[in-house]
Amino acid sequence: MAQREELAGYLWISPWLLGFVIWTLGPMLASLVLSFADYAIIAPPEFLGLTNYRKILTDDPAFWDALRVTLTYALFSVPAGRFVDRVGPRAPPQRSVPAPDPLQPRPDPPQ
């Protein structure tokens, strides 16, 4: 019985697992592999090792600017936004209006 339940569990999560592998894990692994290569779409990838990373860290000034902007945003803007969300003004609570019950007769309109 436990084996059947285990199989049923795997069958229930299989759509999620399939989607995760196809849409998340697969592209992440492909990006990782291709980051170590010189890749033009019309030619097969040529393995370069760490050359791409060495080039980014030493020859590309835009990388350091992008890293600075990203870290500034992550370290200051995100916490500031969360703080303002916590202590900022709140919207007044909305009065809920019950939905009409379709099984109840409607009152006659005034004449």
N, C-alpha and C. Protein backbone atom coordinates (compact mmCIF):
# COMPACT_ATOMS: atom_id res chain seq x y z
N MET A 1 0.83 -1.21 0.00
CA MET A 1 0.00 0.00 0.00
C MET A 1 0.86 1.26 0.00
N ALA A 2 1.96 1.24 0.74
CA ALA A 2 2.83 2.41 0.80
C ALA A 2 3.45 2.70 -0.57
N GLN A 3 3.77 1.64 -1.32
CA GLN A 3 4.36 1.84 -2.65
C GLN A 3 3.35 2.49 -3.60
N ARG A 4 2.11 2.10 -3.49
CA ARG A 4 1.06 2.70 -4.33
C ARG A 4 0.89 4.17 -4.01
N GLU A 5 0.91 4.49 -2.71
CA GLU A 5 0.77 5.90 -2.31
C GLU A 5 1.97 6.71 -2.78
N GLU A 6 3.14 6.11 -2.72
CA GLU A 6 4.35 6.79 -3.18
C GLU A 6 4.26 7.06 -4.68
N LEU A 7 3.81 6.06 -5.44
CA LEU A 7 3.65 6.22 -6.87
C LEU A 7 2.60 7.29 -7.18
N ALA A 8 1.49 7.26 -6.43
CA ALA A 8 0.46 8.28 -6.63
C ALA A 8 1.01 9.67 -6.35
N GLY A 9 1.83 9.81 -5.31
CA GLY A 9 2.43 11.10 -5.00
C GLY A 9 3.31 11.58 -6.14
N TYR A 10 4.15 10.69 -6.68
CA TYR A 10 5.01 11.07 -7.80
C TYR A 10 4.18 11.45 -9.03
N LEU A 11 3.09 10.75 -9.26
CA LEU A 11 2.23 11.09 -10.39
C LEU A 11 1.59 12.47 -10.21
N TRP A 12 1.21 12.80 -8.97
CA TRP A 12 0.60 14.10 -8.71
C TRP A 12 1.59 15.24 -8.90
N ILE A 13 2.86 15.04 -8.52
CA ILE A 13 3.82 16.13 -8.66
C ILE A 13 4.55 16.12 -10.00
N SER A 14 4.31 15.10 -10.81
CA SER A 14 5.04 15.00 -12.08
C SER A 14 4.80 16.19 -13.02
N PRO A 15 3.60 16.77 -13.13
CA PRO A 15 3.47 17.95 -14.00
C PRO A 15 4.36 19.10 -13.53
N TRP A 16 4.40 19.32 -12.21
CA TRP A 16 5.25 20.39 -11.69
C TRP A 16 6.72 20.07 -11.95
N LEU A 17 7.13 18.84 -11.69
CA LEU A 17 8.52 18.46 -11.91
C LEU A 17 8.91 18.62 -13.38
N LEU A 18 8.05 18.20 -14.26
CA LEU A 18 8.32 18.32 -15.69
C LEU A 18 8.45 19.79 -16.09
N GLY A 19 7.54 20.63 -15.63
CA GLY A 19 7.61 22.06 -15.92
C GLY A 19 8.86 22.68 -15.33
N PHE A 20 9.23 22.29 -14.12
CA PHE A 20 10.43 22.82 -13.49
C PHE A 20 11.68 22.46 -14.29
N VAL A 21 11.77 21.21 -14.73
CA VAL A 21 12.95 20.78 -15.49
C VAL A 21 13.00 21.48 -16.84
N ILE A 22 11.85 21.58 -17.53
CA ILE A 22 11.83 22.17 -18.87
C ILE A 22 12.02 23.69 -18.82
N TRP A 23 11.33 24.37 -17.92
CA TRP A 23 11.29 25.84 -17.96
C TRP A 23 12.25 26.51 -16.99
N THR A 24 12.80 25.80 -16.00
CA THR A 24 13.68 26.44 -15.03
C THR A 24 15.06 25.80 -15.00
N LEU A 25 15.12 24.54 -14.64
CA LEU A 25 16.41 23.87 -14.46
C LEU A 25 17.16 23.74 -15.79
N GLY A 26 16.47 23.35 -16.85
CA GLY A 26 17.11 23.18 -18.15
C GLY A 26 17.76 24.47 -18.65
N PRO A 27 17.01 25.59 -18.71
CA PRO A 27 17.64 26.84 -19.15
C PRO A 27 18.77 27.31 -18.24
N MET A 28 18.64 27.07 -16.93
CA MET A 28 19.72 27.48 -16.02
C MET A 28 20.99 26.69 -16.30
N LEU A 29 20.86 25.40 -16.48
CA LEU A 29 22.04 24.58 -16.78
C LEU A 29 22.62 24.92 -18.15
N ALA A 30 21.77 25.17 -19.14
CA ALA A 30 22.26 25.54 -20.47
C ALA A 30 23.01 26.87 -20.40
N SER A 31 22.50 27.83 -19.63
CA SER A 31 23.20 29.11 -19.48
C SER A 31 24.54 28.93 -18.80
N LEU A 32 24.58 28.08 -17.79
CA LEU A 32 25.84 27.83 -17.11
C LEU A 32 26.87 27.22 -18.06
N VAL A 33 26.47 26.22 -18.81
CA VAL A 33 27.39 25.56 -19.75
C VAL A 33 27.85 26.55 -20.82
N LEU A 34 26.90 27.31 -21.38
CA LEU A 34 27.26 28.24 -22.45
C LEU A 34 28.08 29.43 -21.96
N SER A 35 28.04 29.71 -20.66
CA SER A 35 28.85 30.82 -20.15
C SER A 35 30.34 30.51 -20.21
N PHE A 36 30.70 29.26 -20.37
CA PHE A 36 32.10 28.85 -20.50
C PHE A 36 32.51 28.67 -21.96
N ALA A 37 31.69 29.16 -22.89
CA ALA A 37 31.96 28.94 -24.32
C ALA A 37 31.80 30.23 -25.11
N ASP A 38 32.40 30.24 -26.28
CA ASP A 38 32.16 31.28 -27.27
C ASP A 38 31.09 30.70 -28.18
N TYR A 39 29.91 31.31 -28.18
CA TYR A 39 28.78 30.70 -28.86
C TYR A 39 28.12 31.68 -29.80
N ALA A 40 28.21 31.39 -31.07
CA ALA A 40 27.43 32.09 -32.09
C ALA A 40 26.32 31.11 -32.49
N ILE A 41 25.14 31.60 -32.64
CA ILE A 41 23.99 30.72 -32.86
C ILE A 41 24.16 29.84 -34.09
N ILE A 42 24.83 30.33 -35.12
CA ILE A 42 24.94 29.55 -36.35
C ILE A 42 26.12 28.57 -36.32
N ALA A 43 26.95 28.64 -35.28
CA ALA A 43 28.11 27.73 -35.18
C ALA A 43 28.05 26.99 -33.85
N PRO A 44 28.66 25.84 -33.79
CA PRO A 44 28.66 25.12 -32.51
C PRO A 44 29.50 25.88 -31.47
N PRO A 45 29.18 25.73 -30.19
CA PRO A 45 29.94 26.44 -29.15
C PRO A 45 31.39 25.97 -29.09
N GLU A 46 32.27 26.91 -28.83
CA GLU A 46 33.69 26.59 -28.68
C GLU A 46 34.05 26.82 -27.21
N PHE A 47 34.50 25.78 -26.52
CA PHE A 47 34.80 25.87 -25.09
C PHE A 47 35.99 26.79 -24.84
N LEU A 48 35.79 27.76 -23.91
CA LEU A 48 36.85 28.72 -23.59
C LEU A 48 37.32 28.63 -22.14
N GLY A 49 36.63 27.87 -21.33
CA GLY A 49 36.99 27.82 -19.91
C GLY A 49 36.57 29.10 -19.21
N LEU A 50 37.44 29.64 -18.39
CA LEU A 50 37.12 30.83 -17.61
C LEU A 50 37.43 32.14 -18.33
N THR A 51 37.74 32.08 -19.61
CA THR A 51 38.11 33.28 -20.37
C THR A 51 37.00 34.33 -20.35
N ASN A 52 35.75 33.92 -20.51
CA ASN A 52 34.64 34.87 -20.49
C ASN A 52 34.58 35.60 -19.15
N TYR A 53 34.75 34.87 -18.06
CA TYR A 53 34.68 35.47 -16.73
C TYR A 53 35.89 36.38 -16.49
N ARG A 54 37.05 35.97 -16.95
CA ARG A 54 38.25 36.80 -16.80
C ARG A 54 38.06 38.11 -17.58
N LYS A 55 37.47 38.02 -18.78
CA LYS A 55 37.23 39.20 -19.61
C LYS A 55 36.24 40.16 -18.92
N ILE A 56 35.20 39.62 -18.34
CA ILE A 56 34.21 40.46 -17.66
C ILE A 56 34.84 41.17 -16.46
N LEU A 57 35.60 40.45 -15.67
CA LEU A 57 36.15 41.02 -14.45
C LEU A 57 37.30 41.99 -14.69
N THR A 58 37.99 41.88 -15.82
CA THR A 58 39.16 42.75 -16.05
C THR A 58 38.97 43.77 -17.16
N ASP A 59 38.26 43.44 -18.22
CA ASP A 59 38.20 44.32 -19.40
C ASP A 59 36.88 45.08 -19.57
N ASP A 60 35.87 44.79 -18.77
CA ASP A 60 34.55 45.37 -19.02
C ASP A 60 34.15 46.33 -17.90
N PRO A 61 34.28 47.64 -18.12
CA PRO A 61 33.90 48.60 -17.06
C PRO A 61 32.39 48.62 -16.81
N ALA A 62 31.59 48.26 -17.78
CA ALA A 62 30.14 48.27 -17.59
C ALA A 62 29.71 47.22 -16.56
N PHE A 63 30.46 46.14 -16.43
CA PHE A 63 30.13 45.11 -15.45
C PHE A 63 30.17 45.68 -14.04
N TRP A 64 31.23 46.44 -13.73
CA TRP A 64 31.37 46.97 -12.38
C TRP A 64 30.30 48.02 -12.09
N ASP A 65 29.93 48.79 -13.09
CA ASP A 65 28.86 49.76 -12.90
C ASP A 65 27.52 49.05 -12.66
N ALA A 66 27.26 48.01 -13.43
CA ALA A 66 26.02 47.25 -13.25
C ALA A 66 25.99 46.57 -11.89
N LEU A 67 27.13 46.06 -11.44
CA LEU A 67 27.20 45.42 -10.12
C LEU A 67 26.95 46.45 -9.02
N ARG A 68 27.53 47.65 -9.16
CA ARG A 68 27.32 48.70 -8.17
C ARG A 68 25.85 49.10 -8.09
N VAL A 69 25.22 49.30 -9.23
CA VAL A 69 23.80 49.68 -9.26
C VAL A 69 22.93 48.59 -8.64
N THR A 70 23.22 47.34 -8.97
CA THR A 70 22.44 46.22 -8.43
C THR A 70 22.58 46.13 -6.92
N LEU A 71 23.80 46.23 -6.42
CA LEU A 71 24.02 46.15 -4.97
C LEU A 71 23.39 47.34 -4.25
N THR A 72 23.48 48.53 -4.83
CA THR A 72 22.83 49.69 -4.23
C THR A 72 21.34 49.48 -4.12
N TYR A 73 20.74 48.99 -5.17
CA TYR A 73 19.31 48.73 -5.15
C TYR A 73 18.96 47.68 -4.10
N ALA A 74 19.70 46.58 -4.09
CA ALA A 74 19.38 45.48 -3.18
C ALA A 74 19.61 45.87 -1.72
N LEU A 75 20.63 46.67 -1.44
CA LEU A 75 20.97 46.99 -0.05
C LEU A 75 20.24 48.20 0.50
N PHE A 76 19.76 49.10 -0.37
CA PHE A 76 19.12 50.32 0.13
C PHE A 76 17.68 50.46 -0.30
N SER A 77 17.38 50.33 -1.58
CA SER A 77 16.03 50.57 -2.06
C SER A 77 15.03 49.53 -1.56
N VAL A 78 15.42 48.28 -1.59
CA VAL A 78 14.48 47.22 -1.15
C VAL A 78 14.16 47.36 0.33
N PRO A 79 15.17 47.47 1.23
CA PRO A 79 14.82 47.65 2.65
C PRO A 79 14.04 48.94 2.91
N ALA A 80 14.37 50.03 2.20
CA ALA A 80 13.64 51.28 2.39
C ALA A 80 12.17 51.11 1.98
N GLY A 81 11.94 50.43 0.89
CA GLY A 81 10.56 50.18 0.45
C GLY A 81 9.79 49.33 1.44
N ARG A 82 10.45 48.35 2.01
CA ARG A 82 9.79 47.51 3.02
C ARG A 82 9.48 48.31 4.28
N PHE A 83 10.41 49.22 4.66
CA PHE A 83 10.19 50.06 5.84
C PHE A 83 9.00 50.98 5.62
N VAL A 84 8.95 51.64 4.46
CA VAL A 84 7.84 52.54 4.16
C VAL A 84 6.52 51.77 4.13
N ASP A 85 6.57 50.56 3.63
CA ASP A 85 5.35 49.74 3.60
C ASP A 85 4.86 49.44 5.01
N ARG A 86 5.79 49.22 5.92
CA ARG A 86 5.41 48.87 7.31
C ARG A 86 4.91 50.07 8.09
N VAL A 87 5.55 51.23 7.93
CA VAL A 87 5.21 52.37 8.79
C VAL A 87 4.41 53.45 8.06
N GLY A 88 4.22 53.31 6.77
CA GLY A 88 3.51 54.32 6.00
C GLY A 88 2.02 54.33 6.31
N PRO A 89 1.32 55.29 5.75
CA PRO A 89 -0.12 55.38 6.01
C PRO A 89 -0.86 54.18 5.43
N ARG A 90 -1.90 53.82 6.12
CA ARG A 90 -2.72 52.68 5.70
C ARG A 90 -4.00 53.19 5.04
N ALA A 91 -4.48 52.46 4.09
CA ALA A 91 -5.76 52.78 3.47
C ALA A 91 -6.87 52.41 4.45
N PRO A 92 -7.93 53.20 4.47
CA PRO A 92 -9.02 52.85 5.39
C PRO A 92 -9.62 51.51 5.00
N PRO A 93 -10.06 50.76 5.99
CA PRO A 93 -10.65 49.45 5.66
C PRO A 93 -11.91 49.62 4.81
N GLN A 94 -12.07 48.74 3.88
CA GLN A 94 -13.23 48.79 2.99
C GLN A 94 -14.39 48.05 3.63
N ARG A 95 -15.57 48.64 3.53
CA ARG A 95 -16.76 47.98 4.04
C ARG A 95 -17.21 46.96 3.00
N SER A 96 -17.34 45.75 3.43
CA SER A 96 -17.73 44.73 2.47
C SER A 96 -19.25 44.71 2.31
N VAL A 97 -19.67 44.54 1.09
CA VAL A 97 -21.08 44.46 0.77
C VAL A 97 -21.35 43.02 0.36
N PRO A 98 -22.26 42.35 1.06
CA PRO A 98 -22.50 40.94 0.71
C PRO A 98 -23.05 40.81 -0.71
N ALA A 99 -22.61 39.79 -1.37
CA ALA A 99 -23.10 39.52 -2.72
C ALA A 99 -24.56 39.06 -2.63
N PRO A 100 -25.35 39.44 -3.63
CA PRO A 100 -26.75 39.01 -3.59
C PRO A 100 -26.86 37.49 -3.73
N ASP A 101 -27.80 36.92 -3.03
CA ASP A 101 -28.02 35.49 -3.10
C ASP A 101 -28.98 35.22 -4.26
N PRO A 102 -28.50 34.50 -5.29
CA PRO A 102 -29.37 34.30 -6.46
C PRO A 102 -30.58 33.42 -6.17
N LEU A 103 -30.59 32.72 -5.06
CA LEU A 103 -31.72 31.85 -4.76
C LEU A 103 -32.84 32.57 -4.03
N GLN A 104 -32.58 33.76 -3.54
CA GLN A 104 -33.60 34.53 -2.85
C GLN A 104 -34.35 35.39 -3.85
N PRO A 105 -35.65 35.55 -3.65
CA PRO A 105 -36.40 36.40 -4.58
C PRO A 105 -35.97 37.87 -4.41
N ARG A 106 -35.99 38.58 -5.54
CA ARG A 106 -35.62 39.99 -5.48
C ARG A 106 -36.83 40.78 -5.00
N PRO A 107 -36.55 41.80 -4.19
CA PRO A 107 -37.71 42.64 -3.77
C PRO A 107 -38.24 43.42 -4.96
N ASP A 108 -39.54 43.69 -4.93
CA ASP A 108 -40.13 44.49 -5.98
C ASP A 108 -39.63 45.92 -5.87
N PRO A 109 -39.38 46.54 -7.00
CA PRO A 109 -38.93 47.94 -6.93
C PRO A 109 -40.07 48.84 -6.44
N PRO A 110 -39.71 49.91 -5.75
CA PRO A 110 -40.80 50.83 -5.29
C PRO A 110 -41.51 51.44 -6.49
N GLN A 111 -42.83 51.73 -6.27
CA GLN A 111 -43.62 52.29 -7.37
C GLN A 111 -44.05 53.69 -7.07
